[in-house]
N, C-alpha and C. Protein backbone atom coordinates (compact mmCIF):
# COMPACT_ATOMS: atom_id res chain seq x y z
N MET A 1 41.34 -13.92 11.40
CA MET A 1 40.02 -13.98 10.79
C MET A 1 39.52 -15.42 10.81
N LEU A 2 38.31 -15.61 11.27
CA LEU A 2 37.73 -16.95 11.36
C LEU A 2 37.08 -17.31 10.03
N MET A 3 37.55 -18.40 9.45
CA MET A 3 36.96 -18.84 8.19
C MET A 3 35.73 -19.70 8.47
N ASN A 4 34.71 -19.53 7.67
CA ASN A 4 33.52 -20.35 7.79
C ASN A 4 33.71 -21.58 6.92
N LYS A 5 34.10 -22.68 7.55
CA LYS A 5 34.40 -23.89 6.79
C LYS A 5 33.13 -24.70 6.58
N GLN A 6 33.12 -25.41 5.48
CA GLN A 6 31.95 -26.23 5.15
C GLN A 6 32.40 -27.46 4.37
N ILE A 7 31.75 -28.59 4.64
CA ILE A 7 31.89 -29.75 3.77
C ILE A 7 30.49 -30.16 3.33
N THR A 8 30.45 -30.87 2.23
CA THR A 8 29.17 -31.27 1.65
C THR A 8 29.04 -32.78 1.72
N LEU A 9 27.86 -33.23 2.11
CA LEU A 9 27.55 -34.65 2.08
C LEU A 9 26.54 -34.87 0.96
N ILE A 10 26.95 -35.66 -0.03
CA ILE A 10 26.02 -36.04 -1.09
C ILE A 10 25.23 -37.22 -0.54
N SER A 11 23.93 -37.04 -0.44
CA SER A 11 23.05 -37.99 0.23
C SER A 11 21.92 -38.38 -0.71
N GLY A 12 21.01 -39.19 -0.20
CA GLY A 12 19.88 -39.59 -1.02
C GLY A 12 18.69 -39.98 -0.16
N PRO A 13 17.54 -40.10 -0.79
CA PRO A 13 16.33 -40.48 -0.05
C PRO A 13 16.40 -41.94 0.39
N ASN A 14 15.91 -42.21 1.59
CA ASN A 14 15.87 -43.58 2.13
C ASN A 14 17.23 -44.26 2.10
N CYS A 15 18.27 -43.51 2.40
CA CYS A 15 19.64 -44.04 2.35
C CYS A 15 20.14 -44.21 3.78
N HIS A 16 20.11 -45.46 4.27
CA HIS A 16 20.53 -45.67 5.67
C HIS A 16 22.02 -45.42 5.86
N LEU A 17 22.83 -45.64 4.84
CA LEU A 17 24.26 -45.33 4.95
C LEU A 17 24.48 -43.83 5.07
N CYS A 18 23.65 -43.05 4.38
CA CYS A 18 23.75 -41.59 4.46
C CYS A 18 23.42 -41.12 5.88
N GLU A 19 22.39 -41.74 6.48
CA GLU A 19 22.03 -41.39 7.86
C GLU A 19 23.17 -41.76 8.81
N GLN A 20 23.78 -42.92 8.60
CA GLN A 20 24.93 -43.32 9.43
C GLN A 20 26.07 -42.31 9.28
N ALA A 21 26.32 -41.90 8.04
CA ALA A 21 27.40 -40.94 7.78
C ALA A 21 27.12 -39.63 8.51
N LYS A 22 25.88 -39.13 8.42
CA LYS A 22 25.53 -37.87 9.11
C LYS A 22 25.73 -37.99 10.61
N GLU A 23 25.26 -39.09 11.20
CA GLU A 23 25.39 -39.29 12.65
C GLU A 23 26.86 -39.34 13.06
N MET A 24 27.68 -39.95 12.22
CA MET A 24 29.10 -40.07 12.53
C MET A 24 29.81 -38.72 12.36
N LEU A 25 29.43 -37.95 11.34
CA LEU A 25 30.11 -36.70 11.05
C LEU A 25 29.74 -35.56 12.00
N ASN A 26 28.49 -35.52 12.46
CA ASN A 26 28.02 -34.38 13.24
C ASN A 26 28.90 -34.02 14.44
N PRO A 27 29.28 -34.98 15.31
CA PRO A 27 30.12 -34.59 16.46
C PRO A 27 31.48 -34.03 16.03
N LEU A 28 32.08 -34.63 15.01
CA LEU A 28 33.37 -34.17 14.50
C LEU A 28 33.26 -32.75 13.96
N LEU A 29 32.23 -32.50 13.18
CA LEU A 29 32.08 -31.18 12.56
C LEU A 29 31.75 -30.12 13.59
N GLU A 30 30.95 -30.47 14.60
CA GLU A 30 30.66 -29.52 15.67
C GLU A 30 31.95 -29.14 16.39
N GLU A 31 32.76 -30.15 16.69
CA GLU A 31 34.03 -29.93 17.39
C GLU A 31 34.94 -29.00 16.59
N LYS A 32 34.95 -29.16 15.28
CA LYS A 32 35.85 -28.38 14.43
C LYS A 32 35.18 -27.13 13.84
N HIS A 33 33.94 -26.88 14.25
CA HIS A 33 33.19 -25.70 13.79
C HIS A 33 33.08 -25.67 12.26
N ILE A 34 32.69 -26.80 11.71
CA ILE A 34 32.52 -26.93 10.27
C ILE A 34 31.05 -27.19 9.98
N GLN A 35 30.54 -26.47 9.01
CA GLN A 35 29.14 -26.60 8.63
C GLN A 35 28.98 -27.76 7.65
N LEU A 36 27.91 -28.54 7.84
CA LEU A 36 27.61 -29.64 6.92
C LEU A 36 26.48 -29.22 6.00
N LYS A 37 26.76 -29.26 4.71
CA LYS A 37 25.74 -29.00 3.70
C LYS A 37 25.36 -30.35 3.11
N VAL A 38 24.07 -30.65 3.08
CA VAL A 38 23.61 -31.93 2.56
C VAL A 38 22.91 -31.71 1.22
N LEU A 39 23.38 -32.40 0.20
CA LEU A 39 22.74 -32.34 -1.12
C LEU A 39 22.11 -33.70 -1.40
N ASN A 40 20.88 -33.69 -1.85
CA ASN A 40 20.12 -34.92 -2.08
C ASN A 40 20.10 -35.24 -3.57
N VAL A 41 20.61 -36.41 -3.94
CA VAL A 41 20.64 -36.81 -5.36
C VAL A 41 19.23 -36.98 -5.92
N GLY A 42 18.24 -37.17 -5.04
CA GLY A 42 16.86 -37.32 -5.49
C GLY A 42 16.25 -36.02 -5.98
N GLU A 43 16.92 -34.91 -5.70
CA GLU A 43 16.39 -33.59 -6.08
C GLU A 43 17.17 -32.95 -7.22
N ASP A 44 18.17 -33.64 -7.74
CA ASP A 44 19.04 -33.03 -8.77
C ASP A 44 19.52 -34.12 -9.72
N GLN A 45 19.05 -34.07 -10.95
CA GLN A 45 19.37 -35.11 -11.93
C GLN A 45 20.87 -35.22 -12.19
N ALA A 46 21.56 -34.08 -12.29
CA ALA A 46 23.01 -34.10 -12.55
C ALA A 46 23.74 -34.76 -11.38
N LEU A 47 23.34 -34.42 -10.15
CA LEU A 47 23.94 -35.05 -8.98
C LEU A 47 23.67 -36.55 -8.98
N PHE A 48 22.44 -36.91 -9.33
CA PHE A 48 22.08 -38.33 -9.36
C PHE A 48 22.96 -39.09 -10.35
N GLU A 49 23.17 -38.50 -11.53
CA GLU A 49 23.98 -39.16 -12.54
C GLU A 49 25.43 -39.31 -12.09
N GLN A 50 25.93 -38.31 -11.35
CA GLN A 50 27.32 -38.34 -10.92
C GLN A 50 27.53 -39.21 -9.68
N TYR A 51 26.57 -39.18 -8.74
CA TYR A 51 26.79 -39.80 -7.44
C TYR A 51 25.77 -40.88 -7.06
N GLY A 52 24.72 -41.06 -7.85
CA GLY A 52 23.61 -41.91 -7.45
C GLY A 52 23.97 -43.29 -6.93
N LEU A 53 24.99 -43.90 -7.52
CA LEU A 53 25.37 -45.25 -7.11
C LEU A 53 26.48 -45.25 -6.06
N ARG A 54 26.97 -44.06 -5.69
CA ARG A 54 28.13 -43.99 -4.80
C ARG A 54 27.82 -43.39 -3.43
N ILE A 55 26.59 -42.88 -3.23
CA ILE A 55 26.31 -42.18 -1.97
C ILE A 55 26.43 -43.11 -0.77
N PRO A 56 26.81 -42.57 0.38
CA PRO A 56 27.15 -41.18 0.65
C PRO A 56 28.58 -40.84 0.22
N VAL A 57 28.77 -39.59 -0.18
CA VAL A 57 30.09 -39.07 -0.57
C VAL A 57 30.29 -37.74 0.14
N VAL A 58 31.46 -37.55 0.76
CA VAL A 58 31.81 -36.27 1.36
C VAL A 58 32.64 -35.50 0.35
N VAL A 59 32.26 -34.24 0.11
CA VAL A 59 33.01 -33.37 -0.79
C VAL A 59 33.59 -32.23 0.05
N PHE A 60 34.90 -32.05 -0.04
CA PHE A 60 35.59 -31.04 0.74
C PHE A 60 35.66 -29.72 -0.01
N ALA A 61 36.01 -28.67 0.72
CA ALA A 61 36.04 -27.32 0.15
C ALA A 61 36.94 -27.23 -1.08
N ASP A 62 38.01 -28.04 -1.13
CA ASP A 62 38.93 -27.98 -2.28
C ASP A 62 38.45 -28.83 -3.46
N GLY A 63 37.27 -29.45 -3.29
CA GLY A 63 36.72 -30.26 -4.38
C GLY A 63 37.07 -31.73 -4.30
N SER A 64 37.98 -32.10 -3.39
CA SER A 64 38.31 -33.51 -3.25
C SER A 64 37.14 -34.26 -2.62
N GLU A 65 37.10 -35.57 -2.81
CA GLU A 65 35.97 -36.37 -2.36
C GLU A 65 36.45 -37.59 -1.60
N LYS A 66 35.59 -38.06 -0.69
CA LYS A 66 35.82 -39.34 -0.01
C LYS A 66 34.50 -40.08 -0.02
N GLY A 67 34.49 -41.22 -0.70
CA GLY A 67 33.28 -42.01 -0.79
C GLY A 67 33.17 -43.01 0.35
N TRP A 68 31.97 -43.50 0.56
CA TRP A 68 31.71 -44.52 1.58
C TRP A 68 32.38 -45.82 1.18
N PRO A 69 32.94 -46.58 2.09
CA PRO A 69 32.92 -46.38 3.53
C PRO A 69 34.05 -45.45 3.99
N PHE A 70 33.75 -44.66 5.02
CA PHE A 70 34.76 -43.82 5.65
C PHE A 70 34.47 -43.75 7.14
N THR A 71 35.51 -43.36 7.89
CA THR A 71 35.36 -43.21 9.34
C THR A 71 35.50 -41.74 9.70
N ALA A 72 35.06 -41.40 10.89
CA ALA A 72 35.22 -40.02 11.37
C ALA A 72 36.70 -39.65 11.41
N ALA A 73 37.56 -40.61 11.79
CA ALA A 73 39.00 -40.35 11.85
C ALA A 73 39.57 -40.03 10.47
N GLN A 74 39.12 -40.75 9.45
CA GLN A 74 39.59 -40.46 8.08
C GLN A 74 39.16 -39.06 7.66
N ILE A 75 37.91 -38.71 7.94
CA ILE A 75 37.41 -37.39 7.57
C ILE A 75 38.18 -36.30 8.32
N ALA A 76 38.45 -36.54 9.61
CA ALA A 76 39.20 -35.56 10.42
C ALA A 76 40.59 -35.33 9.81
N ARG A 77 41.25 -36.40 9.38
CA ARG A 77 42.57 -36.25 8.77
C ARG A 77 42.48 -35.46 7.46
N LEU A 78 41.43 -35.69 6.68
CA LEU A 78 41.29 -35.00 5.40
C LEU A 78 40.93 -33.52 5.59
N ILE A 79 40.27 -33.20 6.71
CA ILE A 79 39.91 -31.81 6.99
C ILE A 79 41.15 -31.03 7.44
N ASP A 80 41.99 -31.65 8.27
CA ASP A 80 43.14 -30.93 8.85
C ASP A 80 44.24 -30.65 7.87
């Protein structure tokens, strides 16, 4: 059975690091058939309070997190 895997990127408006993170993650996630869900701290007060000063942050299916800075290789290791 093929599982539909997903990771979440906590992002924000006008965040150039978030754009860098998305560009870096996209090829890796395509290769591994993982869906990227992007949540914007500008649209959710609770998210803003939790992550506003730390974005971008990757949140994995098990709830673990990896904050910036990170590399595609680090994310690949955390996914596997």
